[in-house]
Amino acid sequence: MPDTATHPLVKQITEQLQTLSVDELRTIQDFVAYIAWKHGQAEFPPAPKASAEARAIERQKDLENLDDPTKWITVMEAGEEIDVESACERLKERGFQIEIPDQDSSASRATRLA
């Protein structure tokens, strides 16, 4: 930093960065990369973030039985039977708490336990 007037500001920002989480630091890093590119200090624009599809594919590595088609519900046809008990059991195994309302109610809920 050639400008000595910016030194206190840089020091203050650096101290504040020490209190942030890793996710917050990554967000700041993305922003700084964008600003550097915008001002011509970087040759290429910042790399785009992974799409939802790419993140889902990455998470598949953590799952078991990827080759078992009964573990994946991808397409349903109108009138097709759903094995609710098996689906609920799979959700419970993954940490969800299942609540099935009365038949009068059309909504159901699955919440992830923290």
PDB file of N, CA and C in Angstrom:
ATOM      1  N   MET A   1       0.834  -1.172   0.000  1.00  0.00           N
ATOM      2  CA  MET A   1       0.000   0.000   0.000  1.00  0.00           C
ATOM      3  C   MET A   1       0.885   1.244   0.000  1.00  0.00           C
ATOM      4  N   PRO A   2       0.989   1.944  -1.095  1.00  0.00           N
ATOM      5  CA  PRO A   2       1.843   3.123  -1.139  1.00  0.00           C
ATOM      6  C   PRO A   2       1.282   4.285  -0.328  1.00  0.00           C
ATOM      7  N   ASP A   3      -0.011   4.390  -0.194  1.00  0.00           N
ATOM      8  CA  ASP A   3      -0.631   5.511   0.513  1.00  0.00           C
ATOM      9  C   ASP A   3      -0.692   5.197   2.007  1.00  0.00           C
ATOM     10  N   THR A   4       0.039   5.965   2.822  1.00  0.00           N
ATOM     11  CA  THR A   4       0.061   5.715   4.262  1.00  0.00           C
ATOM     12  C   THR A   4      -1.260   6.064   4.932  1.00  0.00           C
ATOM     13  N   ALA A   5      -2.102   6.836   4.271  1.00  0.00           N
ATOM     14  CA  ALA A   5      -3.411   7.180   4.836  1.00  0.00           C
ATOM     15  C   ALA A   5      -4.331   5.963   4.857  1.00  0.00           C
ATOM     16  N   THR A   6      -4.094   5.011   3.978  1.00  0.00           N
ATOM     17  CA  THR A   6      -4.951   3.819   3.945  1.00  0.00           C
ATOM     18  C   THR A   6      -4.528   2.772   4.968  1.00  0.00           C
ATOM     19  N   HIS A   7      -3.316   2.892   5.508  1.00  0.00           N
ATOM     20  CA  HIS A   7      -2.810   1.888   6.448  1.00  0.00           C
ATOM     21  C   HIS A   7      -3.736   1.677   7.654  1.00  0.00           C
ATOM     22  N   PRO A   8      -4.210   2.730   8.350  1.00  0.00           N
ATOM     23  CA  PRO A   8      -5.121   2.508   9.483  1.00  0.00           C
ATOM     24  C   PRO A   8      -6.423   1.827   9.060  1.00  0.00           C
ATOM     25  N   LEU A   9      -6.914   2.180   7.885  1.00  0.00           N
ATOM     26  CA  LEU A   9      -8.150   1.564   7.401  1.00  0.00           C
ATOM     27  C   LEU A   9      -7.943   0.075   7.135  1.00  0.00           C
ATOM     28  N   VAL A  10      -6.851  -0.268   6.487  1.00  0.00           N
ATOM     29  CA  VAL A  10      -6.547  -1.674   6.206  1.00  0.00           C
ATOM     30  C   VAL A  10      -6.384  -2.451   7.508  1.00  0.00           C
ATOM     31  N   LYS A  11      -5.717  -1.851   8.478  1.00  0.00           N
ATOM     32  CA  LYS A  11      -5.524  -2.505   9.775  1.00  0.00           C
ATOM     33  C   LYS A  11      -6.867  -2.756  10.461  1.00  0.00           C
ATOM     34  N   GLN A  12      -7.753  -1.761  10.426  1.00  0.00           N
ATOM     35  CA  GLN A  12      -9.067  -1.895  11.051  1.00  0.00           C
ATOM     36  C   GLN A  12      -9.880  -2.990  10.363  1.00  0.00           C
ATOM     37  N   ILE A  13      -9.860  -3.006   9.038  1.00  0.00           N
ATOM     38  CA  ILE A  13     -10.597  -4.031   8.294  1.00  0.00           C
ATOM     39  C   ILE A  13     -10.040  -5.416   8.613  1.00  0.00           C
ATOM     40  N   THR A  14      -8.727  -5.537   8.661  1.00  0.00           N
ATOM     41  CA  THR A  14      -8.090  -6.822   8.969  1.00  0.00           C
ATOM     42  C   THR A  14      -8.503  -7.320  10.348  1.00  0.00           C
ATOM     43  N   GLU A  15      -8.564  -6.438  11.322  1.00  0.00           N
ATOM     44  CA  GLU A  15      -8.997  -6.821  12.669  1.00  0.00           C
ATOM     45  C   GLU A  15     -10.453  -7.281  12.664  1.00  0.00           C
ATOM     46  N   GLN A  16     -11.294  -6.590  11.910  1.00  0.00           N
ATOM     47  CA  GLN A  16     -12.705  -6.964  11.847  1.00  0.00           C
ATOM     48  C   GLN A  16     -12.894  -8.316  11.168  1.00  0.00           C
ATOM     49  N   LEU A  17     -12.045  -8.627  10.204  1.00  0.00           N
ATOM     50  CA  LEU A  17     -12.151  -9.907   9.503  1.00  0.00           C
ATOM     51  C   LEU A  17     -11.919 -11.087  10.438  1.00  0.00           C
ATOM     52  N   GLN A  18     -11.148 -10.878  11.489  1.00  0.00           N
ATOM     53  CA  GLN A  18     -10.845 -11.956  12.433  1.00  0.00           C
ATOM     54  C   GLN A  18     -12.094 -12.461  13.149  1.00  0.00           C
ATOM     55  N   THR A  19     -13.149 -11.660  13.186  1.00  0.00           N
ATOM     56  CA  THR A  19     -14.358 -12.031  13.927  1.00  0.00           C
ATOM     57  C   THR A  19     -15.402 -12.725  13.058  1.00  0.00           C
ATOM     58  N   LEU A  20     -15.147 -12.847  11.764  1.00  0.00           N
ATOM     59  CA  LEU A  20     -16.153 -13.379  10.849  1.00  0.00           C
ATOM     60  C   LEU A  20     -16.032 -14.888  10.668  1.00  0.00           C
ATOM     61  N   SER A  21     -17.152 -15.499  10.286  1.00  0.00           N
ATOM     62  CA  SER A  21     -17.164 -16.939  10.009  1.00  0.00           C
ATOM     63  C   SER A  21     -16.533 -17.213   8.646  1.00  0.00           C
ATOM     64  N   VAL A  22     -16.267 -18.474   8.381  1.00  0.00           N
ATOM     65  CA  VAL A  22     -15.678 -18.869   7.100  1.00  0.00           C
ATOM     66  C   VAL A  22     -16.610 -18.498   5.949  1.00  0.00           C
ATOM     67  N   ASP A  23     -17.908 -18.729   6.114  1.00  0.00           N
ATOM     68  CA  ASP A  23     -18.862 -18.384   5.051  1.00  0.00           C
ATOM     69  C   ASP A  23     -18.875 -16.884   4.781  1.00  0.00           C
ATOM     70  N   GLU A  24     -18.833 -16.087   5.839  1.00  0.00           N
ATOM     71  CA  GLU A  24     -18.807 -14.634   5.661  1.00  0.00           C
ATOM     72  C   GLU A  24     -17.518 -14.194   4.966  1.00  0.00           C
ATOM     73  N   LEU A  25     -16.406 -14.825   5.330  1.00  0.00           N
ATOM     74  CA  LEU A  25     -15.133 -14.494   4.685  1.00  0.00           C
ATOM     75  C   LEU A  25     -15.143 -14.858   3.205  1.00  0.00           C
ATOM     76  N   ARG A  26     -15.779 -15.979   2.857  1.00  0.00           N
ATOM     77  CA  ARG A  26     -15.870 -16.365   1.443  1.00  0.00           C
ATOM     78  C   ARG A  26     -16.721 -15.363   0.660  1.00  0.00           C
ATOM     79  N   THR A  27     -17.784 -14.877   1.285  1.00  0.00           N
ATOM     80  CA  THR A  27     -18.617 -13.870   0.633  1.00  0.00           C
ATOM     81  C   THR A  27     -17.801 -12.606   0.369  1.00  0.00           C
ATOM     82  N   ILE A  28     -17.033 -12.191   1.358  1.00  0.00           N
ATOM     83  CA  ILE A  28     -16.181 -11.006   1.188  1.00  0.00           C
ATOM     84  C   ILE A  28     -15.135 -11.256   0.112  1.00  0.00           C
ATOM     85  N   GLN A  29     -14.559 -12.444   0.095  1.00  0.00           N
ATOM     86  CA  GLN A  29     -13.559 -12.780  -0.920  1.00  0.00           C
ATOM     87  C   GLN A  29     -14.160 -12.700  -2.323  1.00  0.00           C
ATOM     88  N   ASP A  30     -15.383 -13.202  -2.495  1.00  0.00           N
ATOM     89  CA  ASP A  30     -16.063 -13.113  -3.789  1.00  0.00           C
ATOM     90  C   ASP A  30     -16.257 -11.655  -4.196  1.00  0.00           C
ATOM     91  N   PHE A  31     -16.657 -10.826  -3.227  1.00  0.00           N
ATOM     92  CA  PHE A  31     -16.887  -9.418  -3.511  1.00  0.00           C
ATOM     93  C   PHE A  31     -15.586  -8.715  -3.908  1.00  0.00           C
ATOM     94  N   VAL A  32     -14.520  -8.985  -3.174  1.00  0.00           N
ATOM     95  CA  VAL A  32     -13.224  -8.365  -3.476  1.00  0.00           C
ATOM     96  C   VAL A  32     -12.735  -8.809  -4.854  1.00  0.00           C
ATOM     97  N   ALA A  33     -12.915 -10.075  -5.192  1.00  0.00           N
ATOM     98  CA  ALA A  33     -12.508 -10.570  -6.512  1.00  0.00           C
ATOM     99  C   ALA A  33     -13.282  -9.849  -7.611  1.00  0.00           C
ATOM    100  N   TYR A  34     -14.571  -9.614  -7.381  1.00  0.00           N
ATOM    101  CA  TYR A  34     -15.391  -8.903  -8.362  1.00  0.00           C
ATOM    102  C   TYR A  34     -14.911  -7.456  -8.523  1.00  0.00           C
ATOM    103  N   ILE A  35     -14.666  -6.775  -7.403  1.00  0.00           N
ATOM    104  CA  ILE A  35     -14.205  -5.382  -7.455  1.00  0.00           C
ATOM    105  C   ILE A  35     -12.847  -5.290  -8.158  1.00  0.00           C
ATOM    106  N   ALA A  36     -11.939  -6.218  -7.853  1.00  0.00           N
ATOM    107  CA  ALA A  36     -10.617  -6.214  -8.494  1.00  0.00           C
ATOM    108  C   ALA A  36     -10.765  -6.394 -10.002  1.00  0.00           C
ATOM    109  N   TRP A  37     -11.641  -7.290 -10.411  1.00  0.00           N
ATOM    110  CA  TRP A  37     -11.863  -7.510 -11.846  1.00  0.00           C
ATOM    111  C   TRP A  37     -12.483  -6.267 -12.478  1.00  0.00           C
ATOM    112  N   LYS A  38     -13.454  -5.673 -11.791  1.00  0.00           N
ATOM    113  CA  LYS A  38     -14.147  -4.492 -12.308  1.00  0.00           C
ATOM    114  C   LYS A  38     -13.172  -3.332 -12.517  1.00  0.00           C
ATOM    115  N   HIS A  39     -12.196  -3.196 -11.658  1.00  0.00           N
ATOM    116  CA  HIS A  39     -11.219  -2.109 -11.761  1.00  0.00           C
ATOM    117  C   HIS A  39      -9.989  -2.500 -12.572  1.00  0.00           C
ATOM    118  N   GLY A  40     -10.053  -3.654 -13.225  1.00  0.00           N
ATOM    119  CA  GLY A  40      -8.974  -4.056 -14.121  1.00  0.00           C
ATOM    120  C   GLY A  40      -7.749  -4.618 -13.442  1.00  0.00           C
ATOM    121  N   GLN A  41      -7.862  -4.967 -12.178  1.00  0.00           N
ATOM    122  CA  GLN A  41      -6.712  -5.529 -11.476  1.00  0.00           C
ATOM    123  C   GLN A  41      -6.622  -7.041 -11.639  1.00  0.00           C
ATOM    124  N   ALA A  42      -7.636  -7.640 -12.204  1.00  0.00           N
ATOM    125  CA  ALA A  42      -7.629  -9.086 -12.445  1.00  0.00           C
ATOM    126  C   ALA A  42      -7.909  -9.310 -13.923  1.00  0.00           C
ATOM    127  N   GLU A  43      -7.243 -10.298 -14.489  1.00  0.00           N
ATOM    128  CA  GLU A  43      -7.364 -10.549 -15.924  1.00  0.00           C
ATOM    129  C   GLU A  43      -8.717 -11.159 -16.289  1.00  0.00           C
ATOM    130  N   PHE A  44      -9.231 -12.026 -15.426  1.00  0.00           N
ATOM    131  CA  PHE A  44     -10.475 -12.729 -15.715  1.00  0.00           C
ATOM    132  C   PHE A  44     -11.521 -12.382 -14.668  1.00  0.00           C
ATOM    133  N   PRO A  45     -12.794 -12.454 -15.041  1.00  0.00           N
ATOM    134  CA  PRO A  45     -13.843 -12.220 -14.037  1.00  0.00           C
ATOM    135  C   PRO A  45     -13.810 -13.333 -12.993  1.00  0.00           C
ATOM    136  N   PRO A  46     -14.358 -13.064 -11.808  1.00  0.00           N
ATOM    137  CA  PRO A  46     -14.384 -14.095 -10.767  1.00  0.00           C
ATOM    138  C   PRO A  46     -15.123 -15.333 -11.266  1.00  0.00           C
ATOM    139  N   ALA A  47     -14.688 -16.483 -10.802  1.00  0.00           N
ATOM    140  CA  ALA A  47     -15.340 -17.737 -11.195  1.00  0.00           C
ATOM    141  C   ALA A  47     -16.771 -17.741 -10.676  1.00  0.00           C
ATOM    142  N   PRO A  48     -17.712 -18.161 -11.516  1.00  0.00           N
ATOM    143  CA  PRO A  48     -19.101 -18.206 -11.053  1.00  0.00           C
ATOM    144  C   PRO A  48     -19.274 -19.269  -9.973  1.00  0.00           C
ATOM    145  N   LYS A  49     -20.222 -19.023  -9.105  1.00  0.00           N
ATOM    146  CA  LYS A  49     -20.505 -19.999  -8.055  1.00  0.00           C
ATOM    147  C   LYS A  49     -21.140 -21.230  -8.682  1.00  0.00           C
ATOM    148  N   ALA A  50     -21.005 -22.349  -8.007  1.00  0.00           N
ATOM    149  CA  ALA A  50     -21.569 -23.599  -8.507  1.00  0.00           C
ATOM    150  C   ALA A  50     -23.092 -23.500  -8.538  1.00  0.00           C
ATOM    151  N   SER A  51     -23.676 -24.054  -9.577  1.00  0.00           N
ATOM    152  CA  SER A  51     -25.131 -24.057  -9.698  1.00  0.00           C
ATOM    153  C   SER A  51     -25.731 -24.996  -8.655  1.00  0.00           C
ATOM    154  N   ALA A  52     -27.029 -24.894  -8.457  1.00  0.00           N
ATOM    155  CA  ALA A  52     -27.720 -25.784  -7.524  1.00  0.00           C
ATOM    156  C   ALA A  52     -27.531 -27.233  -7.951  1.00  0.00           C
ATOM    157  N   GLU A  53     -27.564 -27.473  -9.251  1.00  0.00           N
ATOM    158  CA  GLU A  53     -27.373 -28.840  -9.754  1.00  0.00           C
ATOM    159  C   GLU A  53     -25.974 -29.349  -9.415  1.00  0.00           C
ATOM    160  N   ALA A  54     -24.973 -28.518  -9.612  1.00  0.00           N
ATOM    161  CA  ALA A  54     -23.598 -28.927  -9.315  1.00  0.00           C
ATOM    162  C   ALA A  54     -23.416 -29.204  -7.824  1.00  0.00           C
ATOM    163  N   ARG A  55     -24.038 -28.375  -6.975  1.00  0.00           N
ATOM    164  CA  ARG A  55     -23.936 -28.603  -5.529  1.00  0.00           C
ATOM    165  C   ARG A  55     -24.650 -29.888  -5.129  1.00  0.00           C
ATOM    166  N   ALA A  56     -25.795 -30.181  -5.761  1.00  0.00           N
ATOM    167  CA  ALA A  56     -26.530 -31.416  -5.461  1.00  0.00           C
ATOM    168  C   ALA A  56     -25.712 -32.637  -5.861  1.00  0.00           C
ATOM    169  N   ILE A  57     -25.076 -32.568  -7.012  1.00  0.00           N
ATOM    170  CA  ILE A  57     -24.237 -33.679  -7.462  1.00  0.00           C
ATOM    171  C   ILE A  57     -23.068 -33.869  -6.499  1.00  0.00           C
ATOM    172  N   GLU A  58     -22.499 -32.784  -6.021  1.00  0.00           N
ATOM    173  CA  GLU A  58     -21.397 -32.868  -5.064  1.00  0.00           C
ATOM    174  C   GLU A  58     -21.851 -33.526  -3.764  1.00  0.00           C
ATOM    175  N   ARG A  59     -23.077 -33.225  -3.311  1.00  0.00           N
ATOM    176  CA  ARG A  59     -23.591 -33.804  -2.066  1.00  0.00           C
ATOM    177  C   ARG A  59     -23.877 -35.289  -2.206  1.00  0.00           C
ATOM    178  N   GLN A  60     -24.068 -35.787  -3.425  1.00  0.00           N
ATOM    179  CA  GLN A  60     -24.359 -37.207  -3.616  1.00  0.00           C
ATOM    180  C   GLN A  60     -23.245 -38.088  -3.077  1.00  0.00           C
ATOM    181  N   LYS A  61     -22.038 -37.586  -3.034  1.00  0.00           N
ATOM    182  CA  LYS A  61     -20.913 -38.372  -2.532  1.00  0.00           C
ATOM    183  C   LYS A  61     -21.123 -38.770  -1.078  1.00  0.00           C
ATOM    184  N   ASP A  62     -21.921 -37.994  -0.351  1.00  0.00           N
ATOM    185  CA  ASP A  62     -22.154 -38.273   1.061  1.00  0.00           C
ATOM    186  C   ASP A  62     -23.273 -39.285   1.290  1.00  0.00           C
ATOM    187  N   LEU A  63     -24.033 -39.576   0.260  1.00  0.00           N
ATOM    188  CA  LEU A  63     -25.179 -40.463   0.411  1.00  0.00           C
ATOM    189  C   LEU A  63     -24.782 -41.914   0.188  1.00  0.00           C
ATOM    190  N   GLU A  64     -25.531 -42.804   0.806  1.00  0.00           N
ATOM    191  CA  GLU A  64     -25.307 -44.227   0.609  1.00  0.00           C
ATOM    192  C   GLU A  64     -26.331 -44.770  -0.380  1.00  0.00           C
ATOM    193  N   ASN A  65     -26.021 -45.889  -0.970  1.00  0.00           N
ATOM    194  CA  ASN A  65     -26.944 -46.611  -1.858  1.00  0.00           C
ATOM    195  C   ASN A  65     -27.396 -45.768  -3.041  1.00  0.00           C
ATOM    196  N   LEU A  66     -26.465 -45.111  -3.703  1.00  0.00           N
ATOM    197  CA  LEU A  66     -26.825 -44.291  -4.858  1.00  0.00           C
ATOM    198  C   LEU A  66     -27.398 -45.119  -5.998  1.00  0.00           C
ATOM    199  N   ASP A  67     -27.028 -46.395  -6.054  1.00  0.00           N
ATOM    200  CA  ASP A  67     -27.495 -47.245  -7.145  1.00  0.00           C
ATOM    201  C   ASP A  67     -28.865 -47.854  -6.877  1.00  0.00           C
ATOM    202  N   ASP A  68     -29.420 -47.637  -5.691  1.00  0.00           N
ATOM    203  CA  ASP A  68     -30.723 -48.195  -5.336  1.00  0.00           C
ATOM    204  C   ASP A  68     -31.821 -47.230  -5.779  1.00  0.00           C
ATOM    205  N   PRO A  69     -32.560 -47.567  -6.860  1.00  0.00           N
ATOM    206  CA  PRO A  69     -33.570 -46.637  -7.381  1.00  0.00           C
ATOM    207  C   PRO A  69     -34.722 -46.376  -6.419  1.00  0.00           C
ATOM    208  N   THR A  70     -34.914 -47.242  -5.419  1.00  0.00           N
ATOM    209  CA  THR A  70     -35.997 -47.000  -4.464  1.00  0.00           C
ATOM    210  C   THR A  70     -35.677 -45.843  -3.528  1.00  0.00           C
ATOM    211  N   LYS A  71     -34.414 -45.416  -3.482  1.00  0.00           N
ATOM    212  CA  LYS A  71     -34.014 -44.298  -2.624  1.00  0.00           C
ATOM    213  C   LYS A  71     -34.260 -42.943  -3.284  1.00  0.00           C
ATOM    214  N   TRP A  72     -34.552 -42.955  -4.570  1.00  0.00           N
ATOM    215  CA  TRP A  72     -34.700 -41.714  -5.327  1.00  0.00           C
ATOM    216  C   TRP A  72     -36.099 -41.632  -5.912  1.00  0.00           C
ATOM    217  N   ILE A  73     -36.817 -40.589  -5.581  1.00  0.00           N
ATOM    218  CA  ILE A  73     -38.116 -40.324  -6.192  1.00  0.00           C
ATOM    219  C   ILE A  73     -37.893 -39.150  -7.127  1.00  0.00           C
ATOM    220  N   THR A  74     -37.976 -39.404  -8.419  1.00  0.00           N
ATOM    221  CA  THR A  74     -37.668 -38.343  -9.371  1.00  0.00           C
ATOM    222  C   THR A  74     -38.892 -37.889 -10.150  1.00  0.00           C
ATOM    223  N   VAL A  75     -39.719 -38.824 -10.569  1.00  0.00           N
ATOM    224  CA  VAL A  75     -40.885 -38.477 -11.374  1.00  0.00           C
ATOM    225  C   VAL A  75     -42.073 -39.271 -10.861  1.00  0.00           C
ATOM    226  N   MET A  76     -43.183 -38.612 -10.718  1.00  0.00           N
ATOM    227  CA  MET A  76     -44.414 -39.278 -10.287  1.00  0.00           C
ATOM    228  C   MET A  76     -45.474 -39.067 -11.356  1.00  0.00           C
ATOM    229  N   GLU A  77     -46.246 -40.085 -11.589  1.00  0.00           N
ATOM    230  CA  GLU A  77     -47.370 -39.990 -12.507  1.00  0.00           C
ATOM    231  C   GLU A  77     -48.645 -39.820 -11.694  1.00  0.00           C
ATOM    232  N   ALA A  78     -49.621 -39.147 -12.256  1.00  0.00           N
ATOM    233  CA  ALA A  78     -50.900 -38.952 -11.581  1.00  0.00           C
ATOM    234  C   ALA A  78     -51.498 -40.311 -11.255  1.00  0.00           C
ATOM    235  N   GLY A  79     -51.937 -40.488 -10.026  1.00  0.00           N
ATOM    236  CA  GLY A  79     -52.558 -41.729  -9.599  1.00  0.00           C
ATOM    237  C   GLY A  79     -51.574 -42.793  -9.142  1.00  0.00           C
ATOM    238  N   GLU A  80     -50.288 -42.537  -9.261  1.00  0.00           N
ATOM    239  CA  GLU A  80     -49.275 -43.519  -8.862  1.00  0.00           C
ATOM    240  C   GLU A  80     -49.231 -43.630  -7.339  1.00  0.00           C
ATOM    241  N   GLU A  81     -49.121 -44.853  -6.846  1.00  0.00           N
ATOM    242  CA  GLU A  81     -49.074 -45.098  -5.405  1.00  0.00           C
ATOM    243  C   GLU A  81     -47.730 -44.644  -4.828  1.00  0.00           C
ATOM    244  N   ILE A  82     -47.778 -44.093  -3.634  1.00  0.00           N
ATOM    245  CA  ILE A  82     -46.571 -43.656  -2.942  1.00  0.00           C
ATOM    246  C   ILE A  82     -46.434 -44.489  -1.676  1.00  0.00           C
ATOM    247  N   ASP A  83     -45.273 -45.061  -1.468  1.00  0.00           N
ATOM    248  CA  ASP A  83     -44.995 -45.813  -0.247  1.00  0.00           C
ATOM    249  C   ASP A  83     -44.591 -44.804   0.831  1.00  0.00           C
ATOM    250  N   VAL A  84     -45.590 -44.282   1.523  1.00  0.00           N
ATOM    251  CA  VAL A  84     -45.378 -43.216   2.497  1.00  0.00           C
ATOM    252  C   VAL A  84     -44.491 -43.686   3.643  1.00  0.00           C
ATOM    253  N   GLU A  85     -44.711 -44.914   4.114  1.00  0.00           N
ATOM    254  CA  GLU A  85     -43.922 -45.409   5.245  1.00  0.00           C
ATOM    255  C   GLU A  85     -42.437 -45.482   4.905  1.00  0.00           C
ATOM    256  N   SER A  86     -42.105 -45.978   3.720  1.00  0.00           N
ATOM    257  CA  SER A  86     -40.691 -46.058   3.314  1.00  0.00           C
ATOM    258  C   SER A  86     -40.096 -44.664   3.159  1.00  0.00           C
ATOM    259  N   ALA A  87     -40.865 -43.754   2.569  1.00  0.00           N
ATOM    260  CA  ALA A  87     -40.375 -42.386   2.386  1.00  0.00           C
ATOM    261  C   ALA A  87     -40.133 -41.724   3.741  1.00  0.00           C
ATOM    262  N   CYS A  88     -41.057 -41.904   4.673  1.00  0.00           N
ATOM    263  CA  CYS A  88     -40.899 -41.326   6.010  1.00  0.00           C
ATOM    264  C   CYS A  88     -39.695 -41.937   6.726  1.00  0.00           C
ATOM    265  N   GLU A  89     -39.511 -43.241   6.570  1.00  0.00           N
ATOM    266  CA  GLU A  89     -38.371 -43.905   7.208  1.00  0.00           C
ATOM    267  C   GLU A  89     -37.044 -43.365   6.675  1.00  0.00           C
ATOM    268  N   ARG A  90     -36.964 -43.165   5.360  1.00  0.00           N
ATOM    269  CA  ARG A  90     -35.738 -42.614   4.773  1.00  0.00           C
ATOM    270  C   ARG A  90     -35.476 -41.200   5.293  1.00  0.00           C
ATOM    271  N   LEU A  91     -36.541 -40.399   5.428  1.00  0.00           N
ATOM    272  CA  LEU A  91     -36.370 -39.042   5.950  1.00  0.00           C
ATOM    273  C   LEU A  91     -35.907 -39.063   7.405  1.00  0.00           C
ATOM    274  N   LYS A  92     -36.470 -39.974   8.205  1.00  0.00           N
ATOM    275  CA  LYS A  92     -36.057 -40.081   9.605  1.00  0.00           C
ATOM    276  C   LYS A  92     -34.590 -40.481   9.704  1.00  0.00           C
ATOM    277  N   GLU A  93     -34.152 -41.399   8.828  1.00  0.00           N
ATOM    278  CA  GLU A  93     -32.749 -41.828   8.825  1.00  0.00           C
ATOM    279  C   GLU A  93     -31.818 -40.659   8.517  1.00  0.00           C
ATOM    280  N   ARG A  94     -32.308 -39.704   7.747  1.00  0.00           N
ATOM    281  CA  ARG A  94     -31.486 -38.547   7.373  1.00  0.00           C
ATOM    282  C   ARG A  94     -31.619 -37.396   8.367  1.00  0.00           C
ATOM    283  N   GLY A  95     -32.363 -37.604   9.476  1.00  0.00           N
ATOM    284  CA  GLY A  95     -32.427 -36.590  10.521  1.00  0.00           C
ATOM    285  C   GLY A  95     -33.666 -35.724  10.507  1.00  0.00           C
ATOM    286  N   PHE A  96     -34.659 -36.067   9.697  1.00  0.00           N
ATOM    287  CA  PHE A  96     -35.879 -35.274   9.660  1.00  0.00           C
ATOM    288  C   PHE A  96     -36.879 -35.808  10.669  1.00  0.00           C
ATOM    289  N   GLN A  97     -37.723 -34.924  11.158  1.00  0.00           N
ATOM    290  CA  GLN A  97     -38.814 -35.301  12.038  1.00  0.00           C
ATOM    291  C   GLN A  97     -40.086 -35.202  11.207  1.00  0.00           C
ATOM    292  N   ILE A  98     -40.861 -36.258  11.176  1.00  0.00           N
ATOM    293  CA  ILE A  98     -42.026 -36.331  10.292  1.00  0.00           C
ATOM    294  C   ILE A  98     -43.301 -36.085  11.086  1.00  0.00           C
ATOM    295  N   GLU A  99     -44.159 -35.267  10.512  1.00  0.00           N
ATOM    296  CA  GLU A  99     -45.480 -35.020  11.085  1.00  0.00           C
ATOM    297  C   GLU A  99     -46.492 -35.195   9.965  1.00  0.00           C
ATOM    298  N   ILE A 100     -47.374 -36.178  10.108  1.00  0.00           N
ATOM    299  CA  ILE A 100     -48.407 -36.405   9.096  1.00  0.00           C
ATOM    300  C   ILE A 100     -49.727 -35.931   9.691  1.00  0.00           C
ATOM    301  N   PRO A 101     -50.339 -34.901   9.095  1.00  0.00           N
ATOM    302  CA  PRO A 101     -51.571 -34.326   9.643  1.00  0.00           C
ATOM    303  C   PRO A 101     -52.778 -35.228   9.367  1.00  0.00           C
ATOM    304  N   ASP A 102     -53.905 -34.823   9.938  1.00  0.00           N
ATOM    305  CA  ASP A 102     -55.152 -35.532   9.672  1.00  0.00           C
ATOM    306  C   ASP A 102     -55.442 -35.514   8.183  1.00  0.00           C
ATOM    307  N   GLN A 103     -56.283 -36.437   7.737  1.00  0.00           N
ATOM    308  CA  GLN A 103     -56.594 -36.508   6.317  1.00  0.00           C
ATOM    309  C   GLN A 103     -57.385 -35.297   5.851  1.00  0.00           C
ATOM    310  N   ASP A 104     -57.992 -34.553   6.777  1.00  0.00           N
ATOM    311  CA  ASP A 104     -58.732 -33.354   6.393  1.00  0.00           C
ATOM    312  C   ASP A 104     -57.786 -32.256   5.909  1.00  0.00           C
ATOM    313  N   SER A 105     -56.561 -32.265   6.389  1.00  0.00           N
ATOM    314  CA  SER A 105     -55.580 -31.255   6.009  1.00  0.00           C
ATOM    315  C   SER A 105     -54.770 -31.757   4.830  1.00  0.00           C
ATOM    316  N   SER A 106     -54.497 -30.882   3.876  1.00  0.00           N
ATOM    317  CA  SER A 106     -53.763 -31.293   2.678  1.00  0.00           C
ATOM    318  C   SER A 106     -52.267 -31.068   2.812  1.00  0.00           C
ATOM    319  N   ALA A 107     -51.829 -30.393   3.862  1.00  0.00           N
ATOM    320  CA  ALA A 107     -50.401 -30.076   4.000  1.00  0.00           C
ATOM    321  C   ALA A 107     -49.740 -31.035   4.980  1.00  0.00           C
ATOM    322  N   SER A 108     -48.521 -31.399   4.698  1.00  0.00           N
ATOM    323  CA  SER A 108     -47.726 -32.183   5.640  1.00  0.00           C
ATOM    324  C   SER A 108     -46.411 -31.452   5.848  1.00  0.00           C
ATOM    325  N   ARG A 109     -45.689 -31.848   6.867  1.00  0.00           N
ATOM    326  CA  ARG A 109     -44.475 -31.131   7.210  1.00  0.00           C
ATOM    327  C   ARG A 109     -43.350 -32.110   7.510  1.00  0.00           C
ATOM    328  N   ALA A 110     -42.163 -31.772   7.059  1.00  0.00           N
ATOM    329  CA  ALA A 110     -40.956 -32.504   7.442  1.00  0.00           C
ATOM    330  C   ALA A 110     -39.936 -31.451   7.842  1.00  0.00           C
ATOM    331  N   THR A 111     -39.448 -31.543   9.055  1.00  0.00           N
ATOM    332  CA  THR A 111     -38.474 -30.554   9.507  1.00  0.00           C
ATOM    333  C   THR A 111     -37.187 -31.254   9.881  1.00  0.00           C
ATOM    334  N   ARG A 112     -36.098 -30.607   9.611  1.00  0.00           N
ATOM    335  CA  ARG A 112     -34.772 -31.170   9.907  1.00  0.00           C
ATOM    336  C   ARG A 112     -34.431 -30.863  11.356  1.00  0.00           C
ATOM    337  N   LEU A 113     -33.984 -31.879  12.086  1.00  0.00           N
ATOM    338  CA  LEU A 113     -33.575 -31.675  13.470  1.00  0.00           C
ATOM    339  C   LEU A 113     -32.195 -31.057  13.500  1.00  0.00           C
ATOM    340  N   ALA A 114     -32.002 -30.086  14.372  1.00  0.00           N
ATOM    341  CA  ALA A 114     -30.695 -29.413  14.453  1.00  0.00           C
ATOM    342  C   ALA A 114     -29.753 -30.193  15.327  1.00  0.00           C
TER     343      ALA A 114
END
